[in-house]
Amino acid sequence: MTTSPWQPLSAREAGLPVDRTVHEGVPEHLEPGLRSWIRDSVVTESLVHRVIARLKLTADAHVFDNSRLPSSARDLSRVSAGLLLDVVDCLLYLDIGEVAHHEYLVKHPNAASPLAAIFSKHAKFVDPVNTLDALLGDAASAYQVREADDVSHAGLERVVDATVAESAVMAMQHAESSGRDDASSYLRSSWAKAYALHPDASGAYVDAVRAVEDVAIPLYASTKPQPTLGTVIRELDDNEAAYSMVILDNKAVPAKVETVLSLMRLLWQGHRDRHPGGQTSAPITLEAAQAAVHIAVLLVQLLSTSAVTKNLPLPPQP
């Protein structure tokens, strides 16, 4: 996606600030590009049928030409504007890039040869996924392409500040390097669910808690039966003096762990749909889920890098 700020020449000459507006849905300036991308990128009829099946499209409920379901990429591109992002998201989920590449190789069987780049007269393969991501970036869409990984499929996800997103990636990497692969996977899953085109707030919150538990329980509650994040909180709360931060406080001594404890409590107590039916039970809002994801990112980062240490026992007094 294009990340460097750009302005029209007229705006630059007028000394206007960069327009950083993010556009929700399918703004008018993006719609023609998305329709064209579908027409150009959907290269098999079976892919059209899979989209219809996945989205459960019907001729009665959705307006198509001739009141019939689409049978070609051109037909599919005429879906109502309200469904365009769903169609695009579904095509990414169905690995449109891999399908397009496979069809390209069928038509150009020698394209994989090392000499093809030098002697071939065929057009080079253009990955539709990269084309789409560039289009969304140029249009300042609120969405970008999410690549598939071990825990989530490809699809659309909300654009998040690059620095914030990078901090999440670093937390996942530190979890893996410390041997907590599950924490990394849960963090990825939580992020994907919180920022998907159709978010799963409750699922994102659950995975955020699990990510922290996978890092924290081996450190502070490994000997406890059926430990949870609540168990970790009680251990640190009951033995707070036994732990400290690597950061020094205003007295130039290792800071107490109360800040980490506060974040853990907030994450644990905020999981209000964990036990449905209780007096304080409540649905998880998307805003709460996204906040939980970022709290989990910080906690996984801190705990994976030994930011909380156990104090050495004091020597016996004479």
C-alpha atoms as a PDB file:
ATOM      1  CA  MET A   1       0.000   0.000   0.000  1.00  0.00           C
ATOM      2  CA  THR A   2       1.204   3.517  -0.772  1.00  0.00           C
ATOM      3  CA  THR A   3       2.392   5.036   2.510  1.00  0.00           C
ATOM      4  CA  SER A   4       4.168   8.250   1.470  1.00  0.00           C
ATOM      5  CA  PRO A   5       1.883  11.298   1.618  1.00  0.00           C
ATOM      6  CA  TRP A   6       0.909  12.799  -1.724  1.00  0.00           C
ATOM      7  CA  GLN A   7      -0.999  15.910  -2.732  1.00  0.00           C
ATOM      8  CA  PRO A   8      -2.305  17.173  -6.039  1.00  0.00           C
ATOM      9  CA  LEU A   9      -0.067  19.807  -7.609  1.00  0.00           C
ATOM     10  CA  SER A  10      -2.690  22.492  -7.005  1.00  0.00           C
ATOM     11  CA  ALA A  11      -2.763  21.656  -3.280  1.00  0.00           C
ATOM     12  CA  ARG A  12       1.036  21.677  -3.042  1.00  0.00           C
ATOM     13  CA  GLU A  13       1.285  25.052  -4.758  1.00  0.00           C
ATOM     14  CA  ALA A  14      -1.401  26.432  -2.465  1.00  0.00           C
ATOM     15  CA  GLY A  15       0.568  25.275   0.578  1.00  0.00           C
ATOM     16  CA  LEU A  16      -2.305  23.138   1.854  1.00  0.00           C
ATOM     17  CA  PRO A  17      -1.653  20.395   4.435  1.00  0.00           C
ATOM     18  CA  VAL A  18      -1.737  16.762   3.348  1.00  0.00           C
ATOM     19  CA  ASP A  19      -5.277  15.397   3.335  1.00  0.00           C
ATOM     20  CA  ARG A  20      -5.175  12.431   5.709  1.00  0.00           C
ATOM     21  CA  THR A  21      -8.894  11.647   5.527  1.00  0.00           C
ATOM     22  CA  VAL A  22      -9.650   7.920   5.696  1.00  0.00           C
ATOM     23  CA  HIS A  23     -12.716   6.867   3.726  1.00  0.00           C
ATOM     24  CA  GLU A  24     -15.154   4.289   5.059  1.00  0.00           C
ATOM     25  CA  GLY A  25     -17.095   1.863   2.876  1.00  0.00           C
ATOM     26  CA  VAL A  26     -16.896   2.353  -0.886  1.00  0.00           C
ATOM     27  CA  PRO A  27     -16.492   6.045  -1.653  1.00  0.00           C
ATOM     28  CA  GLU A  28     -17.403   7.247  -5.134  1.00  0.00           C
ATOM     29  CA  HIS A  29     -13.773   7.623  -6.152  1.00  0.00           C
ATOM     30  CA  LEU A  30     -13.013   3.968  -5.279  1.00  0.00           C
ATOM     31  CA  GLU A  31     -16.068   2.217  -6.742  1.00  0.00           C
ATOM     32  CA  PRO A  32     -15.001   2.179 -10.439  1.00  0.00           C
ATOM     33  CA  GLY A  33     -11.591   0.800  -9.516  1.00  0.00           C
ATOM     34  CA  LEU A  34     -13.039  -2.029  -7.417  1.00  0.00           C
ATOM     35  CA  ARG A  35     -15.455  -3.029 -10.176  1.00  0.00           C
ATOM     36  CA  SER A  36     -12.651  -2.984 -12.732  1.00  0.00           C
ATOM     37  CA  TRP A  37     -10.409  -5.020 -10.393  1.00  0.00           C
ATOM     38  CA  ILE A  38     -13.078  -7.737 -10.088  1.00  0.00           C
ATOM     39  CA  ARG A  39     -13.538  -7.869 -13.878  1.00  0.00           C
ATOM     40  CA  ASP A  40      -9.796  -8.128 -14.491  1.00  0.00           C
ATOM     41  CA  SER A  41      -8.839 -10.417 -11.610  1.00  0.00           C
ATOM     42  CA  VAL A  42     -11.524 -13.113 -11.514  1.00  0.00           C
ATOM     43  CA  VAL A  43     -10.163 -15.447 -14.175  1.00  0.00           C
ATOM     44  CA  THR A  44     -12.271 -18.583 -13.610  1.00  0.00           C
ATOM     45  CA  GLU A  45     -16.007 -19.173 -13.627  1.00  0.00           C
ATOM     46  CA  SER A  46     -15.663 -21.485 -10.628  1.00  0.00           C
ATOM     47  CA  LEU A  47     -14.365 -18.562  -8.566  1.00  0.00           C
ATOM     48  CA  VAL A  48     -17.530 -16.613  -9.396  1.00  0.00           C
ATOM     49  CA  HIS A  49     -19.667 -19.542  -8.244  1.00  0.00           C
ATOM     50  CA  ARG A  50     -17.671 -19.910  -5.022  1.00  0.00           C
ATOM     51  CA  VAL A  51     -18.234 -16.235  -4.195  1.00  0.00           C
ATOM     52  CA  ILE A  52     -21.980 -16.672  -4.782  1.00  0.00           C
ATOM     53  CA  ALA A  53     -21.966 -19.730  -2.510  1.00  0.00           C
ATOM     54  CA  ARG A  54     -19.876 -18.111   0.238  1.00  0.00           C
ATOM     55  CA  LEU A  55     -21.939 -14.905   0.314  1.00  0.00           C
ATOM     56  CA  LYS A  56     -25.197 -16.812  -0.256  1.00  0.00           C
ATOM     57  CA  LEU A  57     -26.212 -14.411  -2.995  1.00  0.00           C
ATOM     58  CA  THR A  58     -29.666 -14.748  -4.524  1.00  0.00           C
ATOM     59  CA  ALA A  59     -31.181 -13.069  -7.571  1.00  0.00           C
ATOM     60  CA  ASP A  60     -34.220 -11.982  -5.543  1.00  0.00           C
ATOM     61  CA  ALA A  61     -32.265 -10.343  -2.738  1.00  0.00           C
ATOM     62  CA  HIS A  62     -29.552  -8.718  -4.868  1.00  0.00           C
ATOM     63  CA  VAL A  63     -29.996  -6.654  -7.999  1.00  0.00           C
ATOM     64  CA  PHE A  64     -28.163  -8.089 -11.006  1.00  0.00           C
ATOM     65  CA  ASP A  65     -28.653  -7.537 -14.712  1.00  0.00           C
ATOM     66  CA  ASN A  66     -31.522  -9.607 -16.102  1.00  0.00           C
ATOM     67  CA  SER A  67     -32.481 -10.565 -12.513  1.00  0.00           C
ATOM     68  CA  ARG A  68     -30.157 -13.543 -12.550  1.00  0.00           C
ATOM     69  CA  LEU A  69     -27.083 -14.571 -10.641  1.00  0.00           C
ATOM     70  CA  PRO A  70     -23.698 -13.693 -12.154  1.00  0.00           C
ATOM     71  CA  SER A  71     -21.895 -16.290 -14.243  1.00  0.00           C
ATOM     72  CA  SER A  72     -18.845 -14.240 -15.213  1.00  0.00           C
ATOM     73  CA  ALA A  73     -16.420 -11.743 -13.711  1.00  0.00           C
ATOM     74  CA  ARG A  74     -18.212  -8.952 -15.566  1.00  0.00           C
ATOM     75  CA  ASP A  75     -21.529 -10.003 -14.029  1.00  0.00           C
ATOM     76  CA  LEU A  76     -19.986 -10.240 -10.562  1.00  0.00           C
ATOM     77  CA  SER A  77     -18.495  -6.763 -10.870  1.00  0.00           C
ATOM     78  CA  ARG A  78     -22.037  -5.355 -11.193  1.00  0.00           C
ATOM     79  CA  VAL A  79     -22.983  -6.337  -7.662  1.00  0.00           C
ATOM     80  CA  SER A  80     -24.541  -3.535  -5.604  1.00  0.00           C
ATOM     81  CA  ALA A  81     -22.097  -1.022  -4.080  1.00  0.00           C
ATOM     82  CA  GLY A  82     -23.057  -2.209  -0.601  1.00  0.00           C
ATOM     83  CA  LEU A  83     -21.708  -5.679  -1.393  1.00  0.00           C
ATOM     84  CA  LEU A  84     -18.516  -4.696  -3.192  1.00  0.00           C
ATOM     85  CA  LEU A  85     -16.246  -4.953  -0.158  1.00  0.00           C
ATOM     86  CA  ASP A  86     -17.799  -8.292   0.795  1.00  0.00           C
ATOM     87  CA  VAL A  87     -17.077  -9.624  -2.696  1.00  0.00           C
ATOM     88  CA  VAL A  88     -13.491  -8.351  -2.583  1.00  0.00           C
ATOM     89  CA  ASP A  89     -12.963  -9.757   0.924  1.00  0.00           C
ATOM     90  CA  CYS A  90     -14.349 -13.119  -0.198  1.00  0.00           C
ATOM     91  CA  LEU A  91     -12.094 -13.222  -3.266  1.00  0.00           C
ATOM     92  CA  LEU A  92      -9.061 -12.641  -1.063  1.00  0.00           C
ATOM     93  CA  TYR A  93     -10.266 -15.406   1.275  1.00  0.00           C
ATOM     94  CA  LEU A  94     -10.495 -17.721  -1.750  1.00  0.00           C
ATOM     95  CA  ASP A  95      -6.841 -17.012  -2.649  1.00  0.00           C
ATOM     96  CA  ILE A  96      -7.545 -15.062  -5.815  1.00  0.00           C
ATOM     97  CA  GLY A  97      -3.828 -14.378  -6.213  1.00  0.00           C
ATOM     98  CA  GLU A  98      -2.993 -18.092  -6.284  1.00  0.00           C
ATOM     99  CA  VAL A  99      -5.870 -18.827  -8.667  1.00  0.00           C
ATOM    100  CA  ALA A 100      -4.762 -16.047 -11.021  1.00  0.00           C
ATOM    101  CA  HIS A 101      -1.149 -17.243 -10.925  1.00  0.00           C
ATOM    102  CA  HIS A 102      -2.191 -20.819 -11.654  1.00  0.00           C
ATOM    103  CA  GLU A 103      -4.240 -19.715 -14.675  1.00  0.00           C
ATOM    104  CA  TYR A 104      -1.338 -17.594 -15.899  1.00  0.00           C
ATOM    105  CA  LEU A 105       1.003 -20.608 -15.786  1.00  0.00           C
ATOM    106  CA  VAL A 106      -1.575 -22.733 -17.628  1.00  0.00           C
ATOM    107  CA  LYS A 107      -1.608 -20.189 -20.448  1.00  0.00           C
ATOM    108  CA  HIS A 108       2.160 -19.615 -20.303  1.00  0.00           C
ATOM    109  CA  PRO A 109       3.671 -22.987 -19.277  1.00  0.00           C
ATOM    110  CA  ASN A 110       7.230 -21.825 -19.885  1.00  0.00           C
ATOM    111  CA  ALA A 111       6.853 -18.721 -17.727  1.00  0.00           C
ATOM    112  CA  ALA A 112       8.451 -20.470 -14.727  1.00  0.00           C
ATOM    113  CA  SER A 113      11.673 -21.027 -16.631  1.00  0.00           C
ATOM    114  CA  PRO A 114      14.663 -18.913 -15.482  1.00  0.00           C
ATOM    115  CA  LEU A 115      15.147 -17.836 -19.111  1.00  0.00           C
ATOM    116  CA  ALA A 116      11.542 -16.732 -19.517  1.00  0.00           C
ATOM    117  CA  ALA A 117      12.245 -13.310 -18.034  1.00  0.00           C
ATOM    118  CA  ILE A 118      14.891 -12.736 -20.705  1.00  0.00           C
ATOM    119  CA  PHE A 119      13.396 -14.304 -23.833  1.00  0.00           C
ATOM    120  CA  SER A 120       9.640 -14.536 -23.215  1.00  0.00           C
ATOM    121  CA  LYS A 121       7.410 -12.167 -25.159  1.00  0.00           C
ATOM    122  CA  HIS A 122       4.444 -12.875 -22.886  1.00  0.00           C
ATOM    123  CA  ALA A 123       3.207 -10.258 -20.464  1.00  0.00           C
ATOM    124  CA  LYS A 124       4.567 -10.715 -16.960  1.00  0.00           C
ATOM    125  CA  PHE A 125       2.245 -11.949 -14.231  1.00  0.00           C
ATOM    126  CA  VAL A 126       0.666  -9.144 -12.230  1.00  0.00           C
ATOM    127  CA  ASP A 127      -0.523 -10.254  -8.808  1.00  0.00           C
ATOM    128  CA  PRO A 128      -4.096  -8.970  -8.345  1.00  0.00           C
ATOM    129  CA  VAL A 129      -3.588  -8.869  -4.576  1.00  0.00           C
ATOM    130  CA  ASN A 130      -0.808  -6.290  -4.931  1.00  0.00           C
ATOM    131  CA  THR A 131      -2.902  -4.328  -7.430  1.00  0.00           C
ATOM    132  CA  LEU A 132      -5.825  -4.242  -5.009  1.00  0.00           C
ATOM    133  CA  ASP A 133      -3.704  -3.146  -2.063  1.00  0.00           C
ATOM    134  CA  ALA A 134      -2.258  -0.291  -4.122  1.00  0.00           C
ATOM    135  CA  LEU A 135      -5.752   0.755  -5.238  1.00  0.00           C
ATOM    136  CA  LEU A 136      -7.067   0.832  -1.660  1.00  0.00           C
ATOM    137  CA  GLY A 137      -4.055   2.861  -0.562  1.00  0.00           C
ATOM    138  CA  ASP A 138      -4.430   5.361  -3.396  1.00  0.00           C
ATOM    139  CA  ALA A 139      -8.102   5.820  -2.499  1.00  0.00           C
ATOM    140  CA  ALA A 140      -7.267   6.346   1.209  1.00  0.00           C
ATOM    141  CA  SER A 141      -9.620   3.505   2.046  1.00  0.00           C
ATOM    142  CA  ALA A 142     -10.192   2.531   5.657  1.00  0.00           C
ATOM    143  CA  TYR A 143      -9.251  -1.013   4.572  1.00  0.00           C
ATOM    144  CA  GLN A 144      -6.145  -2.737   3.307  1.00  0.00           C
ATOM    145  CA  VAL A 145      -5.232  -6.300   2.320  1.00  0.00           C
ATOM    146  CA  ARG A 146      -4.469  -8.751   5.118  1.00  0.00           C
ATOM    147  CA  GLU A 147      -2.189 -11.533   3.940  1.00  0.00           C
ATOM    148  CA  ALA A 148      -2.902 -15.091   4.997  1.00  0.00           C
ATOM    149  CA  ASP A 149      -0.858 -16.556   7.842  1.00  0.00           C
ATOM    150  CA  ASP A 150      -0.928 -19.652  10.030  1.00  0.00           C
ATOM    151  CA  VAL A 151      -4.028 -18.582  11.965  1.00  0.00           C
ATOM    152  CA  SER A 152      -6.070 -16.461   9.562  1.00  0.00           C
ATOM    153  CA  HIS A 153      -7.030 -16.356   5.920  1.00  0.00           C
ATOM    154  CA  ALA A 154      -6.359 -13.461   3.577  1.00  0.00           C
ATOM    155  CA  GLY A 155      -8.996 -10.750   3.527  1.00  0.00           C
ATOM    156  CA  LEU A 156      -9.597  -7.091   4.151  1.00  0.00           C
ATOM    157  CA  GLU A 157      -8.636  -5.481   7.443  1.00  0.00           C
ATOM    158  CA  ARG A 158      -8.873  -1.980   8.810  1.00  0.00           C
ATOM    159  CA  VAL A 159      -5.887   0.271   8.315  1.00  0.00           C
ATOM    160  CA  VAL A 160      -3.996   0.797  11.574  1.00  0.00           C
ATOM    161  CA  ASP A 161      -1.170   3.245  12.190  1.00  0.00           C
ATOM    162  CA  ALA A 162       2.003   1.651  10.846  1.00  0.00           C
ATOM    163  CA  THR A 163       3.945   2.169  14.080  1.00  0.00           C
ATOM    164  CA  VAL A 164       1.194   0.530  16.132  1.00  0.00           C
ATOM    165  CA  ALA A 165       0.976  -2.401  13.719  1.00  0.00           C
ATOM    166  CA  GLU A 166       4.757  -2.841  13.831  1.00  0.00           C
ATOM    167  CA  SER A 167       4.699  -2.993  17.631  1.00  0.00           C
ATOM    168  CA  ALA A 168       2.235  -5.882  17.403  1.00  0.00           C
ATOM    169  CA  VAL A 169       4.498  -7.725  14.960  1.00  0.00           C
ATOM    170  CA  MET A 170       7.457  -7.208  17.306  1.00  0.00           C
ATOM    171  CA  ALA A 171       5.474  -8.602  20.242  1.00  0.00           C
ATOM    172  CA  MET A 172       4.616 -11.698  18.200  1.00  0.00           C
ATOM    173  CA  GLN A 173       8.253 -12.160  17.221  1.00  0.00           C
ATOM    174  CA  HIS A 174       9.470 -11.775  20.804  1.00  0.00           C
ATOM    175  CA  ALA A 175       6.900 -14.325  21.969  1.00  0.00           C
ATOM    176  CA  GLU A 176       8.155 -16.799  19.376  1.00  0.00           C
ATOM    177  CA  SER A 177      11.805 -16.191  20.231  1.00  0.00           C
ATOM    178  CA  SER A 178      11.038 -16.872  23.896  1.00  0.00           C
ATOM    179  CA  GLY A 179       9.419 -20.187  22.999  1.00  0.00           C
ATOM    180  CA  ARG A 180       5.790 -19.051  23.321  1.00  0.00           C
ATOM    181  CA  ASP A 181       4.527 -19.805  19.823  1.00  0.00           C
ATOM    182  CA  ASP A 182       0.930 -20.120  21.015  1.00  0.00           C
ATOM    183  CA  ALA A 183       1.032 -16.590  22.409  1.00  0.00           C
ATOM    184  CA  SER A 184       2.152 -15.330  19.022  1.00  0.00           C
ATOM    185  CA  SER A 185      -0.629 -17.254  17.256  1.00  0.00           C
ATOM    186  CA  TYR A 186      -3.281 -16.013  19.670  1.00  0.00           C
ATOM    187  CA  LEU A 187      -2.073 -12.450  19.213  1.00  0.00           C
ATOM    188  CA  ARG A 188      -2.278 -12.785  15.417  1.00  0.00           C
ATOM    189  CA  SER A 189      -5.746 -14.280  15.655  1.00  0.00           C
ATOM    190  CA  SER A 190      -6.905 -11.578  18.054  1.00  0.00           C
ATOM    191  CA  TRP A 191      -5.634  -8.826  15.749  1.00  0.00           C
ATOM    192  CA  ALA A 192      -7.273 -10.416  12.696  1.00  0.00           C
ATOM    193  CA  LYS A 193     -10.641 -10.755  14.450  1.00  0.00           C
ATOM    194  CA  ALA A 194     -10.567  -7.206  15.824  1.00  0.00           C
ATOM    195  CA  TYR A 195      -9.693  -5.501  12.539  1.00  0.00           C
ATOM    196  CA  ALA A 196     -11.446  -7.688   9.952  1.00  0.00           C
ATOM    197  CA  LEU A 197     -14.063  -6.325   7.557  1.00  0.00           C
ATOM    198  CA  HIS A 198     -16.640  -8.045   9.775  1.00  0.00           C
ATOM    199  CA  PRO A 199     -14.964  -8.100  13.219  1.00  0.00           C
ATOM    200  CA  ASP A 200     -15.501 -10.727  15.909  1.00  0.00           C
ATOM    201  CA  ALA A 201     -15.218  -8.631  19.070  1.00  0.00           C
ATOM    202  CA  SER A 202     -15.836 -11.469  21.524  1.00  0.00           C
ATOM    203  CA  GLY A 203     -13.403 -13.800  19.753  1.00  0.00           C
ATOM    204  CA  ALA A 204     -10.760 -11.081  19.594  1.00  0.00           C
ATOM    205  CA  TYR A 205     -11.026 -10.484  23.345  1.00  0.00           C
ATOM    206  CA  VAL A 206     -10.780 -14.205  24.145  1.00  0.00           C
ATOM    207  CA  ASP A 207      -7.636 -14.580  22.054  1.00  0.00           C
ATOM    208  CA  ALA A 208      -6.090 -11.454  23.584  1.00  0.00           C
ATOM    209  CA  VAL A 209      -6.483 -12.980  27.057  1.00  0.00           C
ATOM    210  CA  ARG A 210      -5.133 -16.331  25.851  1.00  0.00           C
ATOM    211  CA  ALA A 211      -2.054 -14.658  24.372  1.00  0.00           C
ATOM    212  CA  VAL A 212      -1.186 -13.085  27.714  1.00  0.00           C
ATOM    213  CA  GLU A 213      -1.950 -16.296  29.601  1.00  0.00           C
ATOM    214  CA  ASP A 214       0.400 -18.308  27.388  1.00  0.00           C
ATOM    215  CA  VAL A 215       3.287 -16.004  28.293  1.00  0.00           C
ATOM    216  CA  ALA A 216       2.415 -15.239  31.914  1.00  0.00           C
ATOM    217  CA  ILE A 217       1.326 -18.610  33.314  1.00  0.00           C
ATOM    218  CA  PRO A 218       4.692 -20.391  32.793  1.00  0.00           C
ATOM    219  CA  LEU A 219       6.408 -17.461  34.527  1.00  0.00           C
ATOM    220  CA  TYR A 220       4.142 -16.965  37.538  1.00  0.00           C
ATOM    221  CA  ALA A 221       1.616 -19.783  37.905  1.00  0.00           C
ATOM    222  CA  SER A 222       3.078 -22.926  36.346  1.00  0.00           C
ATOM    223  CA  THR A 223       2.561 -25.017  39.489  1.00  0.00           C
ATOM    224  CA  LYS A 224      -1.050 -23.984  40.040  1.00  0.00           C
ATOM    225  CA  PRO A 225      -3.928 -26.324  39.083  1.00  0.00           C
ATOM    226  CA  GLN A 226      -5.894 -25.041  36.063  1.00  0.00           C
ATOM    227  CA  PRO A 227      -4.197 -21.633  36.067  1.00  0.00           C
ATOM    228  CA  THR A 228      -5.692 -18.609  34.341  1.00  0.00           C
ATOM    229  CA  LEU A 229      -4.781 -14.958  34.007  1.00  0.00           C
ATOM    230  CA  GLY A 230      -6.656 -14.482  37.262  1.00  0.00           C
ATOM    231  CA  THR A 231      -4.229 -16.919  38.928  1.00  0.00           C
ATOM    232  CA  VAL A 232      -1.283 -14.902  37.622  1.00  0.00           C
ATOM    233  CA  ILE A 233      -2.813 -11.694  38.971  1.00  0.00           C
ATOM    234  CA  ARG A 234      -3.256 -13.220  42.415  1.00  0.00           C
ATOM    235  CA  GLU A 235       0.345 -14.470  42.443  1.00  0.00           C
ATOM    236  CA  LEU A 236       1.763 -11.062  41.558  1.00  0.00           C
ATOM    237  CA  ASP A 237      -0.644  -9.315  43.927  1.00  0.00           C
ATOM    238  CA  ASP A 238       0.136 -11.579  46.888  1.00  0.00           C
ATOM    239  CA  ASN A 239       3.882 -11.485  46.270  1.00  0.00           C
ATOM    240  CA  GLU A 240       4.313  -8.076  44.734  1.00  0.00           C
ATOM    241  CA  ALA A 241       7.453  -7.364  46.753  1.00  0.00           C
ATOM    242  CA  ALA A 242       9.119 -10.406  45.189  1.00  0.00           C
ATOM    243  CA  TYR A 243       8.970  -8.906  41.688  1.00  0.00           C
ATOM    244  CA  SER A 244      10.152  -5.704  40.067  1.00  0.00           C
ATOM    245  CA  MET A 245      10.441  -3.982  36.715  1.00  0.00           C
ATOM    246  CA  VAL A 246      13.636  -3.444  34.758  1.00  0.00           C
ATOM    247  CA  ILE A 247      12.666   0.239  34.619  1.00  0.00           C
ATOM    248  CA  LEU A 248      13.856   2.410  37.494  1.00  0.00           C
ATOM    249  CA  ASP A 249      11.454   4.652  39.392  1.00  0.00           C
ATOM    250  CA  ASN A 250      12.010   8.227  40.625  1.00  0.00           C
ATOM    251  CA  LYS A 251      14.225   6.895  43.438  1.00  0.00           C
ATOM    252  CA  ALA A 252      16.470   5.118  40.935  1.00  0.00           C
ATOM    253  CA  VAL A 253      15.429   1.677  42.170  1.00  0.00           C
ATOM    254  CA  PRO A 254      13.571  -1.006  40.180  1.00  0.00           C
ATOM    255  CA  ALA A 255       9.925   0.023  39.809  1.00  0.00           C
ATOM    256  CA  LYS A 256       7.140  -2.031  41.321  1.00  0.00           C
ATOM    257  CA  VAL A 257       4.998  -4.262  39.119  1.00  0.00           C
ATOM    258  CA  GLU A 258       1.789  -2.377  39.902  1.00  0.00           C
ATOM    259  CA  THR A 259       1.524  -1.008  36.346  1.00  0.00           C
ATOM    260  CA  VAL A 260       1.704  -4.487  34.823  1.00  0.00           C
ATOM    261  CA  LEU A 261      -0.764  -5.694  37.423  1.00  0.00           C
ATOM    262  CA  SER A 262      -3.176  -2.882  36.564  1.00  0.00           C
ATOM    263  CA  LEU A 263      -3.078  -3.800  32.880  1.00  0.00           C
ATOM    264  CA  MET A 264      -3.656  -7.472  33.680  1.00  0.00           C
ATOM    265  CA  ARG A 265      -6.594  -6.633  35.943  1.00  0.00           C
ATOM    266  CA  LEU A 266      -8.099  -4.360  33.329  1.00  0.00           C
ATOM    267  CA  LEU A 267      -7.842  -7.065  30.677  1.00  0.00           C
ATOM    268  CA  TRP A 268      -9.166  -9.801  32.977  1.00  0.00           C
ATOM    269  CA  GLN A 269     -11.996  -7.835  34.569  1.00  0.00           C
ATOM    270  CA  GLY A 270     -13.030  -6.290  31.260  1.00  0.00           C
ATOM    271  CA  HIS A 271     -13.806  -9.709  29.818  1.00  0.00           C
ATOM    272  CA  ARG A 272     -17.468  -9.229  30.655  1.00  0.00           C
ATOM    273  CA  ASP A 273     -18.955 -11.933  28.407  1.00  0.00           C
ATOM    274  CA  ARG A 274     -16.782 -14.682  29.899  1.00  0.00           C
ATOM    275  CA  HIS A 275     -19.629 -15.881  32.176  1.00  0.00           C
ATOM    276  CA  PRO A 276     -22.990 -15.067  30.534  1.00  0.00           C
ATOM    277  CA  GLY A 277     -25.952 -14.560  32.830  1.00  0.00           C
ATOM    278  CA  GLY A 278     -24.125 -12.775  35.636  1.00  0.00           C
ATOM    279  CA  GLN A 279     -25.230  -9.410  36.975  1.00  0.00           C
ATOM    280  CA  THR A 280     -22.227  -7.650  35.456  1.00  0.00           C
ATOM    281  CA  SER A 281     -22.122  -9.699  32.260  1.00  0.00           C
ATOM    282  CA  ALA A 282     -22.168  -7.599  29.083  1.00  0.00           C
ATOM    283  CA  PRO A 283     -21.377  -8.002  25.368  1.00  0.00           C
ATOM    284  CA  ILE A 284     -17.864  -7.055  24.293  1.00  0.00           C
ATOM    285  CA  THR A 285     -17.906  -3.958  22.136  1.00  0.00           C
ATOM    286  CA  LEU A 286     -15.567  -3.639  19.175  1.00  0.00           C
ATOM    287  CA  GLU A 287     -13.824  -0.690  20.845  1.00  0.00           C
ATOM    288  CA  ALA A 288     -13.230  -2.771  23.987  1.00  0.00           C
ATOM    289  CA  ALA A 289     -11.920  -5.680  21.920  1.00  0.00           C
ATOM    290  CA  GLN A 290      -9.472  -3.478  20.024  1.00  0.00           C
ATOM    291  CA  ALA A 291      -8.268  -1.938  23.283  1.00  0.00           C
ATOM    292  CA  ALA A 292      -7.814  -5.443  24.706  1.00  0.00           C
ATOM    293  CA  VAL A 293      -5.713  -6.431  21.705  1.00  0.00           C
ATOM    294  CA  HIS A 294      -3.334  -3.516  22.258  1.00  0.00           C
ATOM    295  CA  ILE A 295      -3.107  -4.207  26.003  1.00  0.00           C
ATOM    296  CA  ALA A 296      -2.258  -7.811  25.140  1.00  0.00           C
ATOM    297  CA  VAL A 297       0.399  -6.656  22.673  1.00  0.00           C
ATOM    298  CA  LEU A 298       2.075  -4.584  25.386  1.00  0.00           C
ATOM    299  CA  LEU A 299       1.874  -7.332  28.026  1.00  0.00           C
ATOM    300  CA  VAL A 300       3.180 -10.036  25.683  1.00  0.00           C
ATOM    301  CA  GLN A 301       6.033  -7.734  24.698  1.00  0.00           C
ATOM    302  CA  LEU A 302       6.943  -6.936  28.311  1.00  0.00           C
ATOM    303  CA  LEU A 303       6.694 -10.498  29.599  1.00  0.00           C
ATOM    304  CA  SER A 304       8.514 -12.022  26.619  1.00  0.00           C
ATOM    305  CA  THR A 305      11.473  -9.718  27.124  1.00  0.00           C
ATOM    306  CA  SER A 306      11.810 -10.202  30.902  1.00  0.00           C
ATOM    307  CA  ALA A 307      10.664  -6.685  31.742  1.00  0.00           C
ATOM    308  CA  VAL A 308       9.357  -8.154  35.010  1.00  0.00           C
ATOM    309  CA  THR A 309      12.002  -9.930  37.056  1.00  0.00           C
ATOM    310  CA  LYS A 310      11.992 -11.874  40.309  1.00  0.00           C
ATOM    311  CA  ASN A 311      13.988 -10.209  43.058  1.00  0.00           C
ATOM    312  CA  LEU A 312      16.873 -12.066  44.637  1.00  0.00           C
ATOM    313  CA  PRO A 313      16.147 -13.117  48.211  1.00  0.00           C
ATOM    314  CA  LEU A 314      17.565 -10.783  50.820  1.00  0.00           C
ATOM    315  CA  PRO A 315      20.574 -12.126  52.702  1.00  0.00           C
ATOM    316  CA  PRO A 316      19.840 -13.286  56.257  1.00  0.00           C
ATOM    317  CA  GLN A 317      20.254 -10.645  58.908  1.00  0.00           C
ATOM    318  CA  PRO A 318      23.093 -11.250  61.401  1.00  0.00           C
END
